[in-house]
Amino acid sequence: MPYHSRQFWLDFLPDALIASQIGIWETDFENDRTVADATTAALFGVDPVQAALGLPLAAYAEAIFPADQAGFFSNIDRVCEQGGLFVVEYRVRSAVNGVRWVLARGHYQRDERTGGVLGRGIVVDITESKRSGQADDRRFLVLQERDETPLDRIATCALQARGAINDVAEHEKPALQSAVDGLLWAVGRALAKRNLF
């Protein structure tokens, strides 16, 4: 594979995320704000400008199928209390995209400065995998903290790195955020494709 400049990857990443239907989100529970990229906004049927500024979690949850909301909120309650890994598969509805299956994966932790709970992660559109029979519900719902696969450990570390970027100097943030976002994109694609069973 030929070498590509860092700028190539910085320019390529947003398009690659959109083409792969992988979105990035960050939730601040203390302020009830979830900031998301355009891909996540499209999956949940919310305005992308509003999503970039931050919306209450309820604005996204409105798109979740009623039958899937209990599992979603049960996991949200767990990570609000304990922090840690968040992996949930559910269906969303939007006027533009219709019904889509998504996999949300992230990591939640307490902010030592504010005491609030912050979560960062990805959402992957796995609809085509579900339709083709490649996705098995069990593989995305099992959380095995002690027996994590290497891919799970990479995802957890990448999400922690994404959170740590907030503590670096402003001039260093763009390059670091782009690099970690690229890793999260690759991990999201691998998670969408893997078959554990």
C-alpha atoms as a PDB file:
ATOM      1  CA  MET A   1       0.000   0.000   0.000  1.00  0.00           C
ATOM      2  CA  PRO A   2       1.476   3.362  -0.941  1.00  0.00           C
ATOM      3  CA  TYR A   3       2.309   5.878   1.734  1.00  0.00           C
ATOM      4  CA  HIS A   4      -0.267   8.617   2.202  1.00  0.00           C
ATOM      5  CA  SER A   5       0.378  11.875   3.968  1.00  0.00           C
ATOM      6  CA  ARG A   6      -1.241  12.602   7.284  1.00  0.00           C
ATOM      7  CA  GLN A   7      -3.359  15.275   5.587  1.00  0.00           C
ATOM      8  CA  PHE A   8      -4.748  12.643   3.211  1.00  0.00           C
ATOM      9  CA  TRP A   9      -6.000  10.622   6.176  1.00  0.00           C
ATOM     10  CA  LEU A  10      -7.343  13.708   7.939  1.00  0.00           C
ATOM     11  CA  ASP A  11      -9.314  14.599   4.800  1.00  0.00           C
ATOM     12  CA  PHE A  12     -10.332  10.989   4.142  1.00  0.00           C
ATOM     13  CA  LEU A  13     -11.569  10.081   7.623  1.00  0.00           C
ATOM     14  CA  PRO A  14     -14.929  11.918   7.691  1.00  0.00           C
ATOM     15  CA  ASP A  15     -15.858  10.539   4.266  1.00  0.00           C
ATOM     16  CA  ALA A  16     -14.752   7.043   5.283  1.00  0.00           C
ATOM     17  CA  LEU A  17     -16.833   7.176   8.454  1.00  0.00           C
ATOM     18  CA  ILE A  18     -19.887   8.317   6.512  1.00  0.00           C
ATOM     19  CA  ALA A  19     -19.403   5.720   3.767  1.00  0.00           C
ATOM     20  CA  SER A  20     -18.985   2.980   6.364  1.00  0.00           C
ATOM     21  CA  GLN A  21     -21.988   4.218   8.328  1.00  0.00           C
ATOM     22  CA  ILE A  22     -19.973   4.546  11.513  1.00  0.00           C
ATOM     23  CA  GLY A  23     -20.784   7.482  13.755  1.00  0.00           C
ATOM     24  CA  ILE A  24     -19.021   8.974  16.756  1.00  0.00           C
ATOM     25  CA  TRP A  25     -20.754  10.296  19.887  1.00  0.00           C
ATOM     26  CA  GLU A  26     -19.947  11.736  23.288  1.00  0.00           C
ATOM     27  CA  THR A  27     -22.388  11.940  26.202  1.00  0.00           C
ATOM     28  CA  ASP A  28     -22.109  14.201  29.247  1.00  0.00           C
ATOM     29  CA  PHE A  29     -24.739  12.967  31.709  1.00  0.00           C
ATOM     30  CA  GLU A  30     -24.271  15.821  34.181  1.00  0.00           C
ATOM     31  CA  ASN A  31     -25.381  18.333  31.534  1.00  0.00           C
ATOM     32  CA  ASP A  32     -27.638  15.886  29.646  1.00  0.00           C
ATOM     33  CA  ARG A  33     -25.852  16.543  26.360  1.00  0.00           C
ATOM     34  CA  THR A  34     -24.918  14.076  23.659  1.00  0.00           C
ATOM     35  CA  VAL A  35     -22.764  15.480  20.873  1.00  0.00           C
ATOM     36  CA  ALA A  36     -22.681  13.426  17.688  1.00  0.00           C
ATOM     37  CA  ASP A  37     -21.405  13.546  14.129  1.00  0.00           C
ATOM     38  CA  ALA A  38     -23.553  13.694  10.990  1.00  0.00           C
ATOM     39  CA  THR A  39     -23.658   9.897  10.576  1.00  0.00           C
ATOM     40  CA  THR A  40     -25.059   9.387  14.061  1.00  0.00           C
ATOM     41  CA  ALA A  41     -27.521  12.234  13.520  1.00  0.00           C
ATOM     42  CA  ALA A  42     -28.768  10.623  10.294  1.00  0.00           C
ATOM     43  CA  LEU A  43     -29.202   7.206  11.931  1.00  0.00           C
ATOM     44  CA  PHE A  44     -31.291   8.724  14.724  1.00  0.00           C
ATOM     45  CA  GLY A  45     -33.157  11.211  12.554  1.00  0.00           C
ATOM     46  CA  VAL A  46     -31.940  14.319  14.376  1.00  0.00           C
ATOM     47  CA  ASP A  47     -30.683  17.559  12.873  1.00  0.00           C
ATOM     48  CA  PRO A  48     -26.904  17.272  12.276  1.00  0.00           C
ATOM     49  CA  VAL A  49     -26.252  20.880  13.305  1.00  0.00           C
ATOM     50  CA  GLN A  50     -28.115  20.356  16.580  1.00  0.00           C
ATOM     51  CA  ALA A  51     -26.318  17.023  17.101  1.00  0.00           C
ATOM     52  CA  ALA A  52     -22.943  18.737  16.667  1.00  0.00           C
ATOM     53  CA  LEU A  53     -23.920  21.289  19.320  1.00  0.00           C
ATOM     54  CA  GLY A  54     -25.350  18.656  21.660  1.00  0.00           C
ATOM     55  CA  LEU A  55     -28.841  17.348  22.327  1.00  0.00           C
ATOM     56  CA  PRO A  56     -30.413  15.647  25.349  1.00  0.00           C
ATOM     57  CA  LEU A  57     -30.062  11.859  25.245  1.00  0.00           C
ATOM     58  CA  ALA A  58     -33.866  11.687  25.028  1.00  0.00           C
ATOM     59  CA  ALA A  59     -33.718  13.248  21.542  1.00  0.00           C
ATOM     60  CA  TYR A  60     -31.764  10.215  20.325  1.00  0.00           C
ATOM     61  CA  ALA A  61     -33.739   7.722  22.415  1.00  0.00           C
ATOM     62  CA  GLU A  62     -36.962   8.769  20.663  1.00  0.00           C
ATOM     63  CA  ALA A  63     -35.692   6.935  17.569  1.00  0.00           C
ATOM     64  CA  ILE A  64     -35.103   3.653  19.437  1.00  0.00           C
ATOM     65  CA  PHE A  65     -37.792   1.006  18.957  1.00  0.00           C
ATOM     66  CA  PRO A  66     -40.007   0.818  22.060  1.00  0.00           C
ATOM     67  CA  ALA A  67     -39.216  -2.900  22.448  1.00  0.00           C
ATOM     68  CA  ASP A  68     -35.474  -2.106  22.508  1.00  0.00           C
ATOM     69  CA  GLN A  69     -35.590   0.870  24.869  1.00  0.00           C
ATOM     70  CA  ALA A  70     -35.582  -1.161  28.100  1.00  0.00           C
ATOM     71  CA  GLY A  71     -32.294  -2.858  27.183  1.00  0.00           C
ATOM     72  CA  PHE A  72     -30.778   0.434  26.090  1.00  0.00           C
ATOM     73  CA  PHE A  73     -31.715   2.291  29.273  1.00  0.00           C
ATOM     74  CA  SER A  74     -30.756  -0.651  31.481  1.00  0.00           C
ATOM     75  CA  ASN A  75     -27.233  -0.441  30.078  1.00  0.00           C
ATOM     76  CA  ILE A  76     -27.219   3.354  30.412  1.00  0.00           C
ATOM     77  CA  ASP A  77     -28.192   3.035  34.092  1.00  0.00           C
ATOM     78  CA  ARG A  78     -25.416   0.486  34.640  1.00  0.00           C
ATOM     79  CA  VAL A  79     -22.662   2.636  33.134  1.00  0.00           C
ATOM     80  CA  CYS A  80     -23.920   5.730  34.975  1.00  0.00           C
ATOM     81  CA  GLU A  81     -23.439   3.873  38.255  1.00  0.00           C
ATOM     82  CA  GLN A  82     -20.363   1.782  37.512  1.00  0.00           C
ATOM     83  CA  GLY A  83     -18.743   3.213  34.395  1.00  0.00           C
ATOM     84  CA  GLY A  84     -17.083   0.822  32.016  1.00  0.00           C
ATOM     85  CA  LEU A  85     -17.855  -0.761  28.701  1.00  0.00           C
ATOM     86  CA  PHE A  86     -21.171  -0.122  26.941  1.00  0.00           C
ATOM     87  CA  VAL A  87     -22.213  -2.483  24.143  1.00  0.00           C
ATOM     88  CA  VAL A  88     -25.832  -2.484  22.982  1.00  0.00           C
ATOM     89  CA  GLU A  89     -27.501  -3.591  19.774  1.00  0.00           C
ATOM     90  CA  TYR A  90     -30.913  -2.107  18.956  1.00  0.00           C
ATOM     91  CA  ARG A  91     -33.194  -0.822  16.224  1.00  0.00           C
ATOM     92  CA  VAL A  92     -33.765   2.829  15.340  1.00  0.00           C
ATOM     93  CA  ARG A  93     -36.339   4.532  13.131  1.00  0.00           C
ATOM     94  CA  SER A  94     -35.955   7.721  11.145  1.00  0.00           C
ATOM     95  CA  ALA A  95     -38.025   9.295   8.388  1.00  0.00           C
ATOM     96  CA  VAL A  96     -35.062   9.290   6.012  1.00  0.00           C
ATOM     97  CA  ASN A  97     -33.438   5.925   6.751  1.00  0.00           C
ATOM     98  CA  GLY A  98     -36.435   3.844   7.831  1.00  0.00           C
ATOM     99  CA  VAL A  99     -35.640   1.011  10.234  1.00  0.00           C
ATOM    100  CA  ARG A 100     -31.944   0.356  10.891  1.00  0.00           C
ATOM    101  CA  TRP A 101     -30.098  -1.994  13.239  1.00  0.00           C
ATOM    102  CA  VAL A 102     -27.253  -0.312  15.102  1.00  0.00           C
ATOM    103  CA  LEU A 103     -24.508  -1.379  17.443  1.00  0.00           C
ATOM    104  CA  ALA A 104     -23.458   1.231  19.991  1.00  0.00           C
ATOM    105  CA  ARG A 105     -20.156   0.677  21.723  1.00  0.00           C
ATOM    106  CA  GLY A 106     -18.463   3.030  24.102  1.00  0.00           C
ATOM    107  CA  HIS A 107     -16.769   3.531  27.413  1.00  0.00           C
ATOM    108  CA  TYR A 108     -18.094   5.558  30.345  1.00  0.00           C
ATOM    109  CA  GLN A 109     -16.113   6.978  33.237  1.00  0.00           C
ATOM    110  CA  ARG A 110     -16.369   9.604  35.951  1.00  0.00           C
ATOM    111  CA  ASP A 111     -14.773  12.921  35.171  1.00  0.00           C
ATOM    112  CA  GLU A 112     -12.404  13.558  38.066  1.00  0.00           C
ATOM    113  CA  ARG A 113     -12.815  17.322  37.716  1.00  0.00           C
ATOM    114  CA  THR A 114     -16.621  17.510  37.729  1.00  0.00           C
ATOM    115  CA  GLY A 115     -17.685  14.150  39.162  1.00  0.00           C
ATOM    116  CA  GLY A 116     -20.039  13.735  36.215  1.00  0.00           C
ATOM    117  CA  VAL A 117     -20.165  10.683  33.986  1.00  0.00           C
ATOM    118  CA  LEU A 118     -18.780  11.012  30.471  1.00  0.00           C
ATOM    119  CA  GLY A 119     -19.155   8.471  27.705  1.00  0.00           C
ATOM    120  CA  ARG A 120     -17.524   8.307  24.295  1.00  0.00           C
ATOM    121  CA  GLY A 121     -17.971   5.803  21.553  1.00  0.00           C
ATOM    122  CA  ILE A 122     -19.162   4.750  18.164  1.00  0.00           C
ATOM    123  CA  VAL A 123     -22.416   3.659  16.605  1.00  0.00           C
ATOM    124  CA  VAL A 124     -22.273   1.258  13.664  1.00  0.00           C
ATOM    125  CA  ASP A 125     -25.098   0.613  11.207  1.00  0.00           C
ATOM    126  CA  ILE A 126     -25.225  -3.211  11.084  1.00  0.00           C
ATOM    127  CA  THR A 127     -28.462  -3.470   9.100  1.00  0.00           C
ATOM    128  CA  GLU A 128     -26.907  -5.168   6.082  1.00  0.00           C
ATOM    129  CA  SER A 129     -25.137  -7.701   8.321  1.00  0.00           C
ATOM    130  CA  LYS A 130     -28.465  -8.487   9.987  1.00  0.00           C
ATOM    131  CA  ARG A 131     -30.240  -8.884   6.657  1.00  0.00           C
ATOM    132  CA  SER A 132     -27.560 -11.173   5.263  1.00  0.00           C
ATOM    133  CA  GLY A 133     -27.506 -13.290   8.416  1.00  0.00           C
ATOM    134  CA  GLN A 134     -23.894 -12.381   9.246  1.00  0.00           C
ATOM    135  CA  ALA A 135     -24.763 -10.687  12.536  1.00  0.00           C
ATOM    136  CA  ASP A 136     -25.597 -12.867  15.512  1.00  0.00           C
ATOM    137  CA  ASP A 137     -27.284 -10.939  18.329  1.00  0.00           C
ATOM    138  CA  ARG A 138     -25.346 -12.767  21.046  1.00  0.00           C
ATOM    139  CA  ARG A 139     -21.918 -11.710  19.878  1.00  0.00           C
ATOM    140  CA  PHE A 140     -22.576  -8.007  20.449  1.00  0.00           C
ATOM    141  CA  LEU A 141     -24.412  -8.258  23.739  1.00  0.00           C
ATOM    142  CA  VAL A 142     -21.952 -10.353  25.723  1.00  0.00           C
ATOM    143  CA  LEU A 143     -19.624  -8.285  27.872  1.00  0.00           C
ATOM    144  CA  GLN A 144     -16.641 -10.299  28.969  1.00  0.00           C
ATOM    145  CA  GLU A 145     -14.466  -7.891  30.887  1.00  0.00           C
ATOM    146  CA  ARG A 146     -12.016 -10.561  32.065  1.00  0.00           C
ATOM    147  CA  ASP A 147     -11.906 -12.518  28.816  1.00  0.00           C
ATOM    148  CA  GLU A 148     -11.898  -9.614  26.400  1.00  0.00           C
ATOM    149  CA  THR A 149     -10.667 -10.320  22.922  1.00  0.00           C
ATOM    150  CA  PRO A 150      -7.763  -8.265  21.590  1.00  0.00           C
ATOM    151  CA  LEU A 151     -10.255  -6.258  19.524  1.00  0.00           C
ATOM    152  CA  ASP A 152     -12.287  -5.472  22.659  1.00  0.00           C
ATOM    153  CA  ARG A 153      -9.145  -4.310  24.445  1.00  0.00           C
ATOM    154  CA  ILE A 154      -8.181  -2.126  21.471  1.00  0.00           C
ATOM    155  CA  ALA A 155     -11.652  -0.562  21.437  1.00  0.00           C
ATOM    156  CA  THR A 156     -11.539   0.140  25.175  1.00  0.00           C
ATOM    157  CA  CYS A 157      -8.066   1.671  24.971  1.00  0.00           C
ATOM    158  CA  ALA A 158      -8.992   3.784  21.939  1.00  0.00           C
ATOM    159  CA  LEU A 159     -12.049   5.140  23.742  1.00  0.00           C
ATOM    160  CA  GLN A 160      -9.930   5.940  26.797  1.00  0.00           C
ATOM    161  CA  ALA A 161      -7.379   7.664  24.560  1.00  0.00           C
ATOM    162  CA  ARG A 162     -10.165   9.720  22.970  1.00  0.00           C
ATOM    163  CA  GLY A 163     -11.159  10.912  26.433  1.00  0.00           C
ATOM    164  CA  ALA A 164      -7.581  11.697  27.466  1.00  0.00           C
ATOM    165  CA  ILE A 165      -7.122  13.985  24.466  1.00  0.00           C
ATOM    166  CA  ASN A 166      -9.183  16.613  26.289  1.00  0.00           C
ATOM    167  CA  ASP A 167      -6.273  17.047  28.700  1.00  0.00           C
ATOM    168  CA  VAL A 168      -3.577  17.794  26.097  1.00  0.00           C
ATOM    169  CA  ALA A 169      -2.576  21.193  24.737  1.00  0.00           C
ATOM    170  CA  GLU A 170      -5.055  22.702  22.258  1.00  0.00           C
ATOM    171  CA  HIS A 171      -2.553  22.748  19.382  1.00  0.00           C
ATOM    172  CA  GLU A 172      -1.992  18.983  19.764  1.00  0.00           C
ATOM    173  CA  LYS A 173      -5.678  18.000  19.850  1.00  0.00           C
ATOM    174  CA  PRO A 174      -6.611  17.995  16.126  1.00  0.00           C
ATOM    175  CA  ALA A 175      -3.949  15.510  15.031  1.00  0.00           C
ATOM    176  CA  LEU A 176      -4.500  13.259  18.045  1.00  0.00           C
ATOM    177  CA  GLN A 177      -8.286  13.317  17.643  1.00  0.00           C
ATOM    178  CA  SER A 178      -7.983  12.430  13.967  1.00  0.00           C
ATOM    179  CA  ALA A 179      -5.617   9.564  14.700  1.00  0.00           C
ATOM    180  CA  VAL A 180      -7.837   8.100  17.424  1.00  0.00           C
ATOM    181  CA  ASP A 181     -10.965   8.632  15.320  1.00  0.00           C
ATOM    182  CA  GLY A 182      -9.260   6.663  12.539  1.00  0.00           C
ATOM    183  CA  LEU A 183      -8.565   3.837  14.972  1.00  0.00           C
ATOM    184  CA  LEU A 184     -12.167   3.921  16.222  1.00  0.00           C
ATOM    185  CA  TRP A 185     -13.374   3.770  12.625  1.00  0.00           C
ATOM    186  CA  ALA A 186     -11.229   0.690  11.942  1.00  0.00           C
ATOM    187  CA  VAL A 187     -12.329  -0.972  15.185  1.00  0.00           C
ATOM    188  CA  GLY A 188     -15.969  -0.234  14.371  1.00  0.00           C
ATOM    189  CA  ARG A 189     -15.609  -1.870  10.967  1.00  0.00           C
ATOM    190  CA  ALA A 190     -13.912  -4.907  12.490  1.00  0.00           C
ATOM    191  CA  LEU A 191     -16.605  -5.211  15.168  1.00  0.00           C
ATOM    192  CA  ALA A 192     -19.312  -5.056  12.529  1.00  0.00           C
ATOM    193  CA  LYS A 193     -17.644  -7.846  10.547  1.00  0.00           C
ATOM    194  CA  ARG A 194     -16.436 -10.222  13.215  1.00  0.00           C
ATOM    195  CA  ASN A 195     -18.186 -13.495  13.852  1.00  0.00           C
ATOM    196  CA  LEU A 196     -17.507 -15.016  17.257  1.00  0.00           C
ATOM    197  CA  PHE A 197     -19.965 -17.883  17.041  1.00  0.00           C
END
